[in-house]
Amino acid sequence: MTFDTNDSVTLKIWDRSVLHHTLETAVSDLSARHNTTKCRIAVTCSGPNTFTLSVRDDLALASA
């Protein structure tokens, strides 16, 4: 796990059998660290087996 900034984290997940569990845990951890709801966490596929999780700002939420 790599913390790119205070507001995002990048994960390389090789084992597909733990993909959902790993992402759900990371979303929960990031939302708890920022004292926000899980719906404010964006998950994007940023490469092969690589996912970036970030806290969405209010402007991104308004356009979603």
N, C-alpha and C. Protein backbone atom coordinates (compact mmCIF):
# COMPACT_ATOMS: atom_id res chain seq x y z
N MET A 1 0.85 -1.16 0.00
CA MET A 1 0.00 0.00 0.00
C MET A 1 0.90 1.23 0.00
N THR A 2 0.57 2.19 -0.84
CA THR A 2 1.33 3.42 -0.97
C THR A 2 0.43 4.60 -0.69
N PHE A 3 0.83 5.43 0.25
CA PHE A 3 0.06 6.63 0.53
C PHE A 3 0.64 7.75 -0.32
N ASP A 4 -0.11 8.17 -1.35
CA ASP A 4 0.36 9.21 -2.25
C ASP A 4 0.26 10.59 -1.60
N THR A 5 -0.82 10.85 -0.94
CA THR A 5 -1.04 12.11 -0.23
C THR A 5 -1.85 11.78 1.01
N ASN A 6 -2.23 12.79 1.73
CA ASN A 6 -3.11 12.56 2.88
C ASN A 6 -4.50 12.12 2.45
N ASP A 7 -4.86 12.44 1.20
CA ASP A 7 -6.22 12.19 0.72
C ASP A 7 -6.35 11.01 -0.22
N SER A 8 -5.27 10.26 -0.48
CA SER A 8 -5.39 9.14 -1.41
C SER A 8 -4.43 8.01 -1.05
N VAL A 9 -4.74 6.85 -1.59
CA VAL A 9 -3.90 5.67 -1.39
C VAL A 9 -3.98 4.83 -2.67
N THR A 10 -2.85 4.25 -3.05
CA THR A 10 -2.80 3.39 -4.22
C THR A 10 -2.47 1.97 -3.78
N LEU A 11 -3.26 1.01 -4.25
CA LEU A 11 -3.08 -0.39 -3.89
C LEU A 11 -2.80 -1.22 -5.13
N LYS A 12 -1.88 -2.15 -5.02
CA LYS A 12 -1.63 -3.15 -6.06
C LYS A 12 -2.15 -4.46 -5.49
N ILE A 13 -3.20 -5.01 -6.09
CA ILE A 13 -3.85 -6.21 -5.57
C ILE A 13 -3.65 -7.33 -6.58
N TRP A 14 -2.83 -8.29 -6.23
CA TRP A 14 -2.52 -9.40 -7.14
C TRP A 14 -3.53 -10.54 -7.04
N ASP A 15 -4.03 -10.79 -5.85
CA ASP A 15 -4.93 -11.93 -5.62
C ASP A 15 -6.38 -11.50 -5.84
N ARG A 16 -6.98 -11.95 -6.94
CA ARG A 16 -8.34 -11.56 -7.27
C ARG A 16 -9.35 -12.06 -6.24
N SER A 17 -9.03 -13.12 -5.52
CA SER A 17 -9.98 -13.67 -4.55
C SER A 17 -10.18 -12.75 -3.35
N VAL A 18 -9.27 -11.82 -3.12
CA VAL A 18 -9.40 -10.89 -1.98
C VAL A 18 -9.64 -9.46 -2.44
N LEU A 19 -9.91 -9.27 -3.72
CA LEU A 19 -10.06 -7.93 -4.29
C LEU A 19 -11.13 -7.11 -3.57
N HIS A 20 -12.36 -7.64 -3.49
CA HIS A 20 -13.46 -6.89 -2.87
C HIS A 20 -13.20 -6.63 -1.39
N HIS A 21 -12.71 -7.64 -0.69
CA HIS A 21 -12.43 -7.47 0.73
C HIS A 21 -11.36 -6.41 0.96
N THR A 22 -10.30 -6.45 0.17
CA THR A 22 -9.20 -5.49 0.32
C THR A 22 -9.67 -4.07 0.03
N LEU A 23 -10.43 -3.89 -1.06
CA LEU A 23 -10.93 -2.56 -1.38
C LEU A 23 -11.91 -2.05 -0.33
N GLU A 24 -12.80 -2.91 0.15
CA GLU A 24 -13.76 -2.49 1.17
C GLU A 24 -13.04 -2.07 2.46
N THR A 25 -12.03 -2.82 2.84
CA THR A 25 -11.25 -2.47 4.03
C THR A 25 -10.53 -1.15 3.84
N ALA A 26 -9.93 -0.94 2.67
CA ALA A 26 -9.22 0.31 2.40
C ALA A 26 -10.17 1.50 2.38
N VAL A 27 -11.36 1.33 1.79
CA VAL A 27 -12.36 2.40 1.78
C VAL A 27 -12.77 2.74 3.21
N SER A 28 -13.00 1.74 4.02
CA SER A 28 -13.39 1.97 5.43
C SER A 28 -12.29 2.69 6.19
N ASP A 29 -11.05 2.26 6.00
CA ASP A 29 -9.92 2.89 6.69
C ASP A 29 -9.75 4.35 6.27
N LEU A 30 -9.81 4.62 4.96
CA LEU A 30 -9.64 5.99 4.48
C LEU A 30 -10.77 6.89 4.94
N SER A 31 -12.00 6.38 4.92
CA SER A 31 -13.12 7.21 5.38
C SER A 31 -13.03 7.48 6.88
N ALA A 32 -12.59 6.51 7.65
CA ALA A 32 -12.43 6.72 9.09
C ALA A 32 -11.32 7.72 9.37
N ARG A 33 -10.24 7.63 8.61
CA ARG A 33 -9.11 8.55 8.82
C ARG A 33 -9.51 9.99 8.52
N HIS A 34 -10.46 10.18 7.58
CA HIS A 34 -10.90 11.52 7.22
C HIS A 34 -12.23 11.89 7.84
N ASN A 35 -12.73 11.02 8.70
CA ASN A 35 -13.99 11.27 9.41
C ASN A 35 -15.11 11.66 8.43
N THR A 36 -15.28 10.82 7.42
CA THR A 36 -16.30 11.06 6.40
C THR A 36 -17.00 9.75 6.07
N THR A 37 -18.05 9.82 5.28
CA THR A 37 -18.77 8.61 4.89
C THR A 37 -18.03 7.88 3.77
N LYS A 38 -18.33 6.61 3.63
CA LYS A 38 -17.68 5.82 2.58
C LYS A 38 -18.08 6.27 1.19
N CYS A 39 -19.22 6.92 1.04
CA CYS A 39 -19.64 7.38 -0.29
C CYS A 39 -18.77 8.53 -0.80
N ARG A 40 -17.99 9.15 0.05
CA ARG A 40 -17.08 10.21 -0.39
C ARG A 40 -15.74 9.67 -0.86
N ILE A 41 -15.55 8.34 -0.82
CA ILE A 41 -14.30 7.74 -1.26
C ILE A 41 -14.48 7.25 -2.70
N ALA A 42 -13.64 7.74 -3.59
CA ALA A 42 -13.67 7.33 -5.00
C ALA A 42 -12.64 6.23 -5.20
N VAL A 43 -13.03 5.19 -5.92
CA VAL A 43 -12.12 4.09 -6.26
C VAL A 43 -11.99 4.07 -7.77
N THR A 44 -10.75 4.18 -8.26
CA THR A 44 -10.51 4.12 -9.70
C THR A 44 -9.46 3.06 -9.99
N CYS A 45 -9.62 2.42 -11.13
CA CYS A 45 -8.63 1.47 -11.59
C CYS A 45 -7.56 2.29 -12.30
N SER A 46 -6.37 2.34 -11.74
CA SER A 46 -5.33 3.21 -12.28
C SER A 46 -4.24 2.45 -13.01
N GLY A 47 -4.42 1.17 -13.22
CA GLY A 47 -3.46 0.34 -13.95
C GLY A 47 -3.80 -1.11 -13.75
N PRO A 48 -2.99 -1.99 -14.32
CA PRO A 48 -3.24 -3.43 -14.14
C PRO A 48 -3.12 -3.82 -12.66
N ASN A 49 -4.19 -4.33 -12.11
CA ASN A 49 -4.22 -4.75 -10.71
C ASN A 49 -3.95 -3.61 -9.73
N THR A 50 -4.08 -2.37 -10.18
CA THR A 50 -3.76 -1.21 -9.36
C THR A 50 -5.00 -0.33 -9.21
N PHE A 51 -5.29 0.04 -7.97
CA PHE A 51 -6.47 0.84 -7.67
C PHE A 51 -6.06 2.03 -6.82
N THR A 52 -6.63 3.19 -7.13
CA THR A 52 -6.38 4.39 -6.35
C THR A 52 -7.67 4.79 -5.66
N LEU A 53 -7.58 5.00 -4.36
CA LEU A 53 -8.71 5.43 -3.56
C LEU A 53 -8.42 6.86 -3.12
N SER A 54 -9.41 7.74 -3.26
CA SER A 54 -9.20 9.12 -2.87
C SER A 54 -10.47 9.70 -2.29
N VAL A 55 -10.30 10.71 -1.45
CA VAL A 55 -11.44 11.41 -0.85
C VAL A 55 -11.91 12.44 -1.86
N ARG A 56 -13.19 12.33 -2.24
CA ARG A 56 -13.76 13.29 -3.20
C ARG A 56 -14.10 14.59 -2.48
N ASP A 57 -13.86 15.69 -3.17
CA ASP A 57 -14.22 16.99 -2.60
C ASP A 57 -15.69 17.29 -2.87
N ASP A 58 -16.17 18.39 -2.33
CA ASP A 58 -17.59 18.73 -2.47
C ASP A 58 -17.98 19.00 -3.92
N LEU A 59 -17.06 19.55 -4.72
CA LEU A 59 -17.36 19.83 -6.13
C LEU A 59 -17.55 18.52 -6.90
N ALA A 60 -16.71 17.52 -6.63
CA ALA A 60 -16.85 16.22 -7.30
C ALA A 60 -18.15 15.55 -6.90
N LEU A 61 -18.57 15.72 -5.67
CA LEU A 61 -19.83 15.13 -5.22
C LEU A 61 -21.02 15.77 -5.90
N ALA A 62 -20.94 17.07 -6.14
CA ALA A 62 -22.06 17.78 -6.77
C ALA A 62 -22.27 17.34 -8.21
N SER A 63 -21.19 16.97 -8.88
CA SER A 63 -21.31 16.58 -10.29
C SER A 63 -21.58 15.10 -10.47
N ALA A 64 -21.53 14.31 -9.39
CA ALA A 64 -21.72 12.86 -9.49
C ALA A 64 -23.19 12.51 -9.58
